[in-house]
Amino acid sequence: MIRAGLVVAVAVAGLVVAGCSRQEHAPKARVTGFQPDGSYVLTERERALNCARLAGTVTLHLNDMKAHAKAERTASKSLPRTVVSLLRRAAPVIERRETENMQRYKRDLAIVLAMNQALADKGCAKIDVKYHIEDDARLMGVSLRKLGR
């Protein structure tokens, strides 16, 4: 009786392991939206947009990015509310915390870059993102070297 139960347990464990190993080879579904590395994968609906709508959406996000940068610039010029924020401004060695405006800016940038690539993939004219953001990139903690030309 115990031996039969042991055989069944070993057989079930073997099936579980075999199922897990088969699962590794299955193709992974493409997850849309924001990725852990900070990039963005377009949804089917976004990929289906024509050139004019893609370019319009990119322009809207670029305008949002300008607004985030303006809000960040205004906030950085205002008086610090705490001693810690005063010290962060006085000593650039202290790591600067990413603000909500910076996070929104980077999220919009990820969308802009993904949509701009979709424009190129469709044979449409790409938008020069680097030109539009070069004035604000340093303030917002974005490296222009990643964007290329």
N, C-alpha and C. Protein backbone atom coordinates (compact mmCIF):
# COMPACT_ATOMS: atom_id res chain seq x y z
N MET A 1 0.81 -1.19 0.00
CA MET A 1 0.00 0.00 0.00
C MET A 1 0.86 1.26 0.00
N ILE A 2 1.86 1.30 0.87
CA ILE A 2 2.74 2.46 0.94
C ILE A 2 3.55 2.56 -0.35
N ARG A 3 3.97 1.39 -0.83
CA ARG A 3 4.76 1.35 -2.06
C ARG A 3 3.94 1.88 -3.25
N ALA A 4 2.68 1.55 -3.33
CA ALA A 4 1.81 2.02 -4.42
C ALA A 4 1.64 3.53 -4.33
N GLY A 5 1.49 4.05 -3.11
CA GLY A 5 1.35 5.49 -2.92
C GLY A 5 2.62 6.23 -3.32
N LEU A 6 3.77 5.61 -3.01
CA LEU A 6 5.06 6.21 -3.37
C LEU A 6 5.23 6.25 -4.88
N VAL A 7 4.83 5.17 -5.55
CA VAL A 7 4.92 5.11 -7.01
C VAL A 7 4.03 6.18 -7.64
N VAL A 8 2.84 6.35 -7.12
CA VAL A 8 1.92 7.37 -7.64
C VAL A 8 2.50 8.77 -7.41
N ALA A 9 3.07 9.01 -6.24
CA ALA A 9 3.66 10.33 -5.94
C ALA A 9 4.82 10.63 -6.87
N VAL A 10 5.66 9.64 -7.13
CA VAL A 10 6.80 9.84 -8.03
C VAL A 10 6.30 10.09 -9.45
N ALA A 11 5.26 9.37 -9.86
CA ALA A 11 4.71 9.56 -11.21
C ALA A 11 4.12 10.97 -11.36
N VAL A 12 3.39 11.43 -10.35
CA VAL A 12 2.80 12.77 -10.39
C VAL A 12 3.90 13.82 -10.41
N ALA A 13 4.94 13.65 -9.61
CA ALA A 13 6.06 14.60 -9.60
C ALA A 13 6.73 14.63 -10.96
N GLY A 14 6.88 13.46 -11.59
CA GLY A 14 7.48 13.41 -12.93
C GLY A 14 6.65 14.16 -13.95
N LEU A 15 5.34 14.01 -13.86
CA LEU A 15 4.45 14.73 -14.78
C LEU A 15 4.51 16.24 -14.55
N VAL A 16 4.58 16.66 -13.31
CA VAL A 16 4.67 18.08 -13.00
C VAL A 16 5.96 18.67 -13.55
N VAL A 17 7.07 17.96 -13.34
CA VAL A 17 8.36 18.44 -13.85
C VAL A 17 8.34 18.47 -15.37
N ALA A 18 7.78 17.44 -16.00
CA ALA A 18 7.71 17.41 -17.45
C ALA A 18 6.85 18.56 -17.97
N GLY A 19 5.75 18.83 -17.28
CA GLY A 19 4.88 19.94 -17.68
C GLY A 19 5.58 21.27 -17.56
N CYS A 20 6.38 21.44 -16.49
CA CYS A 20 7.12 22.69 -16.30
C CYS A 20 8.17 22.88 -17.35
N SER A 21 8.85 21.79 -17.72
CA SER A 21 9.90 21.93 -18.71
C SER A 21 9.30 22.24 -20.08
N ARG A 22 8.13 21.69 -20.36
CA ARG A 22 7.48 21.99 -21.62
C ARG A 22 7.02 23.44 -21.66
N GLN A 23 6.64 23.96 -20.52
CA GLN A 23 6.14 25.32 -20.43
C GLN A 23 7.23 26.34 -20.76
N GLU A 24 8.48 26.04 -20.46
CA GLU A 24 9.58 26.97 -20.74
C GLU A 24 9.74 27.21 -22.23
N HIS A 25 9.44 26.19 -23.03
CA HIS A 25 9.66 26.30 -24.47
C HIS A 25 8.48 26.93 -25.19
N ALA A 26 7.39 27.12 -24.49
CA ALA A 26 6.22 27.75 -25.11
C ALA A 26 6.54 29.21 -25.40
N PRO A 27 6.08 29.74 -26.54
CA PRO A 27 6.35 31.14 -26.84
C PRO A 27 5.66 32.06 -25.85
N LYS A 28 6.37 33.07 -25.44
CA LYS A 28 5.82 34.01 -24.47
C LYS A 28 4.92 35.02 -25.18
N ALA A 29 3.79 35.31 -24.56
CA ALA A 29 2.87 36.29 -25.12
C ALA A 29 3.49 37.68 -24.98
N ARG A 30 3.30 38.50 -25.98
CA ARG A 30 3.85 39.85 -25.95
C ARG A 30 2.99 40.71 -25.03
N VAL A 31 3.61 41.23 -24.01
CA VAL A 31 2.90 42.06 -23.05
C VAL A 31 2.98 43.50 -23.52
N THR A 32 1.83 44.14 -23.62
CA THR A 32 1.81 45.53 -24.06
C THR A 32 1.85 46.46 -22.86
N GLY A 33 2.13 47.72 -23.14
CA GLY A 33 2.19 48.72 -22.08
C GLY A 33 3.62 48.96 -21.62
N PHE A 34 3.75 49.48 -20.40
CA PHE A 34 5.07 49.81 -19.88
C PHE A 34 5.79 48.55 -19.42
N GLN A 35 7.07 48.47 -19.77
CA GLN A 35 7.90 47.32 -19.45
C GLN A 35 8.77 47.63 -18.24
N PRO A 36 9.28 46.60 -17.56
CA PRO A 36 10.14 46.82 -16.39
C PRO A 36 11.39 47.64 -16.68
N ASP A 37 11.88 47.59 -17.92
CA ASP A 37 13.09 48.35 -18.26
C ASP A 37 12.80 49.81 -18.60
N GLY A 38 11.53 50.23 -18.49
CA GLY A 38 11.16 51.61 -18.77
C GLY A 38 10.69 51.86 -20.18
N SER A 39 10.77 50.86 -21.03
CA SER A 39 10.30 51.04 -22.41
C SER A 39 8.78 50.83 -22.47
N TYR A 40 8.24 50.97 -23.66
CA TYR A 40 6.80 50.85 -23.85
C TYR A 40 6.55 50.01 -25.09
N VAL A 41 5.61 49.07 -25.00
CA VAL A 41 5.21 48.25 -26.14
C VAL A 41 3.80 48.66 -26.52
N LEU A 42 3.63 49.02 -27.78
CA LEU A 42 2.33 49.49 -28.27
C LEU A 42 1.28 48.39 -28.23
N THR A 43 0.04 48.79 -27.97
CA THR A 43 -1.07 47.85 -28.03
C THR A 43 -1.43 47.62 -29.50
N GLU A 44 -2.27 46.62 -29.75
CA GLU A 44 -2.72 46.35 -31.12
C GLU A 44 -3.43 47.58 -31.69
N ARG A 45 -4.23 48.22 -30.87
CA ARG A 45 -4.97 49.40 -31.32
C ARG A 45 -4.01 50.53 -31.71
N GLU A 46 -2.97 50.73 -30.90
CA GLU A 46 -1.99 51.78 -31.22
C GLU A 46 -1.20 51.43 -32.47
N ARG A 47 -0.87 50.15 -32.64
CA ARG A 47 -0.12 49.73 -33.84
C ARG A 47 -0.97 49.89 -35.10
N ALA A 48 -2.29 49.83 -34.95
CA ALA A 48 -3.19 49.93 -36.11
C ALA A 48 -3.42 51.37 -36.56
N LEU A 49 -2.97 52.35 -35.78
CA LEU A 49 -3.17 53.75 -36.16
C LEU A 49 -2.44 54.07 -37.45
N ASN A 50 -3.02 54.96 -38.25
CA ASN A 50 -2.36 55.39 -39.48
C ASN A 50 -1.28 56.43 -39.14
N CYS A 51 -0.52 56.83 -40.14
CA CYS A 51 0.60 57.75 -39.93
C CYS A 51 0.18 59.07 -39.28
N ALA A 52 -0.90 59.63 -39.77
CA ALA A 52 -1.34 60.94 -39.25
C ALA A 52 -1.73 60.85 -37.78
N ARG A 53 -2.46 59.80 -37.42
CA ARG A 53 -2.87 59.65 -36.02
C ARG A 53 -1.67 59.34 -35.11
N LEU A 54 -0.75 58.52 -35.58
CA LEU A 54 0.46 58.25 -34.79
C LEU A 54 1.25 59.53 -34.56
N ALA A 55 1.45 60.29 -35.64
CA ALA A 55 2.20 61.55 -35.52
C ALA A 55 1.49 62.53 -34.59
N GLY A 56 0.17 62.57 -34.67
CA GLY A 56 -0.60 63.44 -33.79
C GLY A 56 -0.47 63.03 -32.33
N THR A 57 -0.49 61.74 -32.08
CA THR A 57 -0.34 61.24 -30.71
C THR A 57 1.05 61.53 -30.18
N VAL A 58 2.06 61.37 -31.03
CA VAL A 58 3.43 61.70 -30.62
C VAL A 58 3.52 63.17 -30.25
N THR A 59 2.92 64.03 -31.06
CA THR A 59 2.94 65.47 -30.80
C THR A 59 2.24 65.80 -29.48
N LEU A 60 1.12 65.15 -29.21
CA LEU A 60 0.42 65.38 -27.94
C LEU A 60 1.31 64.99 -26.75
N HIS A 61 1.98 63.86 -26.86
CA HIS A 61 2.85 63.43 -25.77
C HIS A 61 4.07 64.35 -25.63
N LEU A 62 4.58 64.85 -26.73
CA LEU A 62 5.69 65.81 -26.66
C LEU A 62 5.24 67.09 -25.96
N ASN A 63 4.01 67.52 -26.23
CA ASN A 63 3.47 68.70 -25.54
C ASN A 63 3.31 68.43 -24.05
N ASP A 64 2.85 67.24 -23.70
CA ASP A 64 2.75 66.87 -22.29
C ASP A 64 4.13 66.88 -21.62
N MET A 65 5.13 66.41 -22.35
CA MET A 65 6.50 66.39 -21.81
C MET A 65 6.98 67.81 -21.55
N LYS A 66 6.67 68.72 -22.45
CA LYS A 66 7.04 70.14 -22.23
C LYS A 66 6.36 70.67 -20.97
N ALA A 67 5.10 70.30 -20.78
CA ALA A 67 4.37 70.76 -19.59
C ALA A 67 4.99 70.18 -18.31
N HIS A 68 5.40 68.91 -18.35
CA HIS A 68 6.04 68.30 -17.18
C HIS A 68 7.37 68.99 -16.88
N ALA A 69 8.12 69.31 -17.92
CA ALA A 69 9.41 69.99 -17.73
C ALA A 69 9.19 71.39 -17.17
N LYS A 70 8.17 72.07 -17.66
CA LYS A 70 7.88 73.42 -17.16
C LYS A 70 7.49 73.36 -15.68
N ALA A 71 6.67 72.38 -15.32
CA ALA A 71 6.27 72.22 -13.92
C ALA A 71 7.47 71.89 -13.04
N GLU A 72 8.39 71.07 -13.56
CA GLU A 72 9.60 70.73 -12.80
C GLU A 72 10.49 71.95 -12.63
N ARG A 73 10.61 72.73 -13.69
CA ARG A 73 11.43 73.94 -13.62
C ARG A 73 10.85 74.92 -12.59
N THR A 74 9.54 75.08 -12.59
CA THR A 74 8.88 75.95 -11.62
C THR A 74 9.08 75.45 -10.20
N ALA A 75 8.94 74.15 -10.01
CA ALA A 75 9.11 73.57 -8.68
C ALA A 75 10.56 73.70 -8.19
N SER A 76 11.51 73.58 -9.11
CA SER A 76 12.91 73.66 -8.70
C SER A 76 13.31 75.10 -8.35
N LYS A 77 12.58 76.08 -8.87
CA LYS A 77 12.89 77.48 -8.56
C LYS A 77 12.18 77.96 -7.29
N SER A 78 11.18 77.21 -6.84
CA SER A 78 10.46 77.62 -5.64
C SER A 78 11.32 77.34 -4.40
N LEU A 79 10.93 77.93 -3.30
CA LEU A 79 11.67 77.73 -2.05
C LEU A 79 11.53 76.29 -1.57
N PRO A 80 12.61 75.71 -1.07
CA PRO A 80 12.51 74.34 -0.56
C PRO A 80 11.64 74.29 0.69
N ARG A 81 10.87 73.21 0.81
CA ARG A 81 9.93 73.08 1.93
C ARG A 81 10.55 72.38 3.13
N THR A 82 11.61 71.60 2.90
CA THR A 82 12.23 70.87 4.00
C THR A 82 13.73 71.09 3.98
N VAL A 83 14.38 70.76 5.09
CA VAL A 83 15.83 70.88 5.18
C VAL A 83 16.50 69.92 4.20
N VAL A 84 15.94 68.72 4.05
CA VAL A 84 16.51 67.74 3.13
C VAL A 84 16.48 68.27 1.70
N SER A 85 15.37 68.85 1.28
CA SER A 85 15.31 69.39 -0.08
C SER A 85 16.26 70.57 -0.24
N LEU A 86 16.46 71.34 0.81
CA LEU A 86 17.43 72.43 0.77
C LEU A 86 18.84 71.87 0.57
N LEU A 87 19.17 70.82 1.30
CA LEU A 87 20.50 70.20 1.18
C LEU A 87 20.71 69.57 -0.19
N ARG A 88 19.66 68.97 -0.75
CA ARG A 88 19.78 68.37 -2.08
C ARG A 88 20.11 69.44 -3.13
N ARG A 89 19.53 70.61 -2.97
CA ARG A 89 19.81 71.69 -3.92
C ARG A 89 21.20 72.27 -3.69
N ALA A 90 21.60 72.36 -2.44
CA ALA A 90 22.88 72.98 -2.11
C ALA A 90 24.06 72.07 -2.47
N ALA A 91 23.89 70.79 -2.31
CA ALA A 91 24.99 69.84 -2.56
C ALA A 91 24.57 68.87 -3.65
N PRO A 92 25.06 69.07 -4.86
CA PRO A 92 24.67 68.19 -5.96
C PRO A 92 25.19 66.76 -5.80
N VAL A 93 26.07 66.54 -4.83
CA VAL A 93 26.59 65.20 -4.61
C VAL A 93 25.50 64.29 -4.06
N ILE A 94 24.59 64.85 -3.29
CA ILE A 94 23.48 64.07 -2.74
C ILE A 94 22.59 63.65 -3.91
N GLU A 95 22.26 62.39 -3.94
CA GLU A 95 21.46 61.85 -5.05
C GLU A 95 20.12 62.57 -5.14
N ARG A 96 19.81 62.99 -6.34
CA ARG A 96 18.56 63.71 -6.56
C ARG A 96 17.43 62.71 -6.75
N ARG A 97 16.38 62.90 -5.99
CA ARG A 97 15.22 62.01 -6.05
C ARG A 97 14.40 62.36 -7.28
N GLU A 98 13.91 61.33 -7.95
CA GLU A 98 13.10 61.54 -9.14
C GLU A 98 11.70 62.01 -8.72
N THR A 99 11.30 63.15 -9.22
CA THR A 99 10.00 63.71 -8.85
C THR A 99 8.89 63.11 -9.71
N GLU A 100 7.67 63.41 -9.34
CA GLU A 100 6.52 62.91 -10.10
C GLU A 100 6.54 63.45 -11.53
N ASN A 101 6.95 64.71 -11.70
CA ASN A 101 7.04 65.28 -13.05
C ASN A 101 8.07 64.54 -13.88
N MET A 102 9.19 64.17 -13.27
CA MET A 102 10.22 63.42 -14.00
C MET A 102 9.71 62.05 -14.41
N GLN A 103 8.98 61.39 -13.52
CA GLN A 103 8.43 60.07 -13.84
C GLN A 103 7.43 60.16 -14.99
N ARG A 104 6.57 61.16 -14.95
CA ARG A 104 5.59 61.34 -16.04
C ARG A 104 6.31 61.65 -17.35
N TYR A 105 7.34 62.47 -17.27
CA TYR A 105 8.12 62.82 -18.46
C TYR A 105 8.72 61.57 -19.09
N LYS A 106 9.31 60.72 -18.27
CA LYS A 106 9.95 59.50 -18.79
C LYS A 106 8.92 58.52 -19.33
N ARG A 107 7.75 58.45 -18.72
CA ARG A 107 6.70 57.57 -19.24
C ARG A 107 6.23 58.07 -20.62
N ASP A 108 6.03 59.39 -20.72
CA ASP A 108 5.64 59.95 -22.02
C ASP A 108 6.74 59.74 -23.06
N LEU A 109 7.99 59.88 -22.65
CA LEU A 109 9.10 59.66 -23.57
C LEU A 109 9.10 58.22 -24.08
N ALA A 110 8.83 57.26 -23.22
CA ALA A 110 8.78 55.85 -23.64
C ALA A 110 7.69 55.64 -24.69
N ILE A 111 6.54 56.26 -24.48
CA ILE A 111 5.44 56.16 -25.45
C ILE A 111 5.84 56.82 -26.77
N VAL A 112 6.44 58.00 -26.68
CA VAL A 112 6.86 58.73 -27.88
C VAL A 112 7.86 57.90 -28.69
N LEU A 113 8.83 57.31 -28.02
CA LEU A 113 9.85 56.52 -28.73
C LEU A 113 9.23 55.29 -29.40
N ALA A 114 8.30 54.63 -28.71
CA ALA A 114 7.64 53.46 -29.29
C ALA A 114 6.79 53.85 -30.50
N MET A 115 6.06 54.93 -30.39
CA MET A 115 5.22 55.37 -31.50
C MET A 115 6.06 55.90 -32.65
N ASN A 116 7.16 56.54 -32.34
CA ASN A 116 8.05 57.03 -33.39
C ASN A 116 8.64 55.85 -34.17
N GLN A 117 8.96 54.77 -33.45
CA GLN A 117 9.46 53.57 -34.13
C GLN A 117 8.37 52.96 -35.00
N ALA A 118 7.12 53.00 -34.52
CA ALA A 118 6.01 52.51 -35.34
C ALA A 118 5.84 53.34 -36.60
N LEU A 119 6.05 54.65 -36.49
CA LEU A 119 6.02 55.51 -37.69
C LEU A 119 7.07 55.05 -38.70
N ALA A 120 8.27 54.78 -38.22
CA ALA A 120 9.35 54.34 -39.11
C ALA A 120 9.03 52.98 -39.72
N ASP A 121 8.47 52.06 -38.91
CA ASP A 121 8.14 50.73 -39.40
C ASP A 121 7.08 50.77 -40.50
N LYS A 122 6.19 51.76 -40.43
CA LYS A 122 5.14 51.90 -41.44
C LYS A 122 5.61 52.68 -42.66
N GLY A 123 6.83 53.18 -42.61
CA GLY A 123 7.34 53.97 -43.73
C GLY A 123 6.92 55.43 -43.67
N CYS A 124 6.45 55.87 -42.53
CA CYS A 124 6.03 57.26 -42.36
C CYS A 124 7.23 58.11 -41.93
N ALA A 125 7.08 59.41 -42.02
CA ALA A 125 8.14 60.32 -41.58
C ALA A 125 8.21 60.30 -40.06
N LYS A 126 9.42 60.05 -39.54
CA LYS A 126 9.61 60.06 -38.09
C LYS A 126 9.70 61.50 -37.60
N ILE A 127 9.42 61.67 -36.33
CA ILE A 127 9.54 62.97 -35.69
C ILE A 127 10.88 63.03 -34.98
N ASP A 128 11.57 64.15 -35.10
CA ASP A 128 12.88 64.31 -34.47
C ASP A 128 12.68 64.58 -32.97
N VAL A 129 12.60 63.51 -32.20
CA VAL A 129 12.32 63.61 -30.77
C VAL A 129 13.45 64.35 -30.06
N LYS A 130 14.67 64.06 -30.45
CA LYS A 130 15.83 64.68 -29.80
C LYS A 130 15.75 66.21 -29.90
N TYR A 131 15.34 66.71 -31.03
CA TYR A 131 15.20 68.15 -31.24
C TYR A 131 14.17 68.73 -30.27
N HIS A 132 13.07 68.02 -30.08
CA HIS A 132 11.98 68.53 -29.25
C HIS A 132 12.29 68.51 -27.76
N ILE A 133 13.17 67.60 -27.33
CA ILE A 133 13.39 67.47 -25.89
C ILE A 133 14.76 67.93 -25.42
N GLU A 134 15.64 68.33 -26.32
CA GLU A 134 17.02 68.61 -25.91
C GLU A 134 17.14 69.72 -24.87
N ASP A 135 16.22 70.69 -24.86
CA ASP A 135 16.29 71.76 -23.86
C ASP A 135 15.92 71.27 -22.45
N ASP A 136 15.07 70.27 -22.37
CA ASP A 136 14.55 69.82 -21.08
C ASP A 136 15.18 68.52 -20.58
N ALA A 137 15.88 67.81 -21.42
CA ALA A 137 16.35 66.47 -21.09
C ALA A 137 17.23 66.43 -19.84
N ARG A 138 18.16 67.33 -19.73
CA ARG A 138 19.08 67.30 -18.58
C ARG A 138 18.32 67.55 -17.28
N LEU A 139 17.44 68.53 -17.28
CA LEU A 139 16.64 68.83 -16.10
C LEU A 139 15.82 67.61 -15.67
N MET A 140 15.32 66.87 -16.65
CA MET A 140 14.43 65.75 -16.36
C MET A 140 15.17 64.42 -16.19
N GLY A 141 16.49 64.44 -16.27
CA GLY A 141 17.28 63.24 -16.03
C GLY A 141 17.26 62.24 -17.17
N VAL A 142 17.20 62.74 -18.42
CA VAL A 142 17.16 61.88 -19.59
C VAL A 142 18.45 62.07 -20.39
N SER A 143 19.06 60.97 -20.78
CA SER A 143 20.27 61.03 -21.59
C SER A 143 19.90 61.09 -23.07
N LEU A 144 20.43 62.09 -23.76
CA LEU A 144 20.15 62.22 -25.20
C LEU A 144 20.94 61.22 -26.02
N ARG A 145 22.02 60.67 -25.44
CA ARG A 145 22.83 59.70 -26.18
C ARG A 145 22.04 58.45 -26.53
N LYS A 146 21.07 58.07 -25.69
CA LYS A 146 20.25 56.89 -25.96
C LYS A 146 19.37 57.08 -27.18
N LEU A 147 19.04 58.33 -27.48
CA LEU A 147 18.09 58.60 -28.56
C LEU A 147 18.72 58.55 -29.94
N GLY A 148 20.02 58.76 -30.01
CA GLY A 148 20.66 58.79 -31.31
C GLY A 148 20.22 59.99 -32.12
N ARG A 149 20.16 59.85 -33.40
CA ARG A 149 19.70 60.94 -34.27
C ARG A 149 18.69 60.44 -35.23
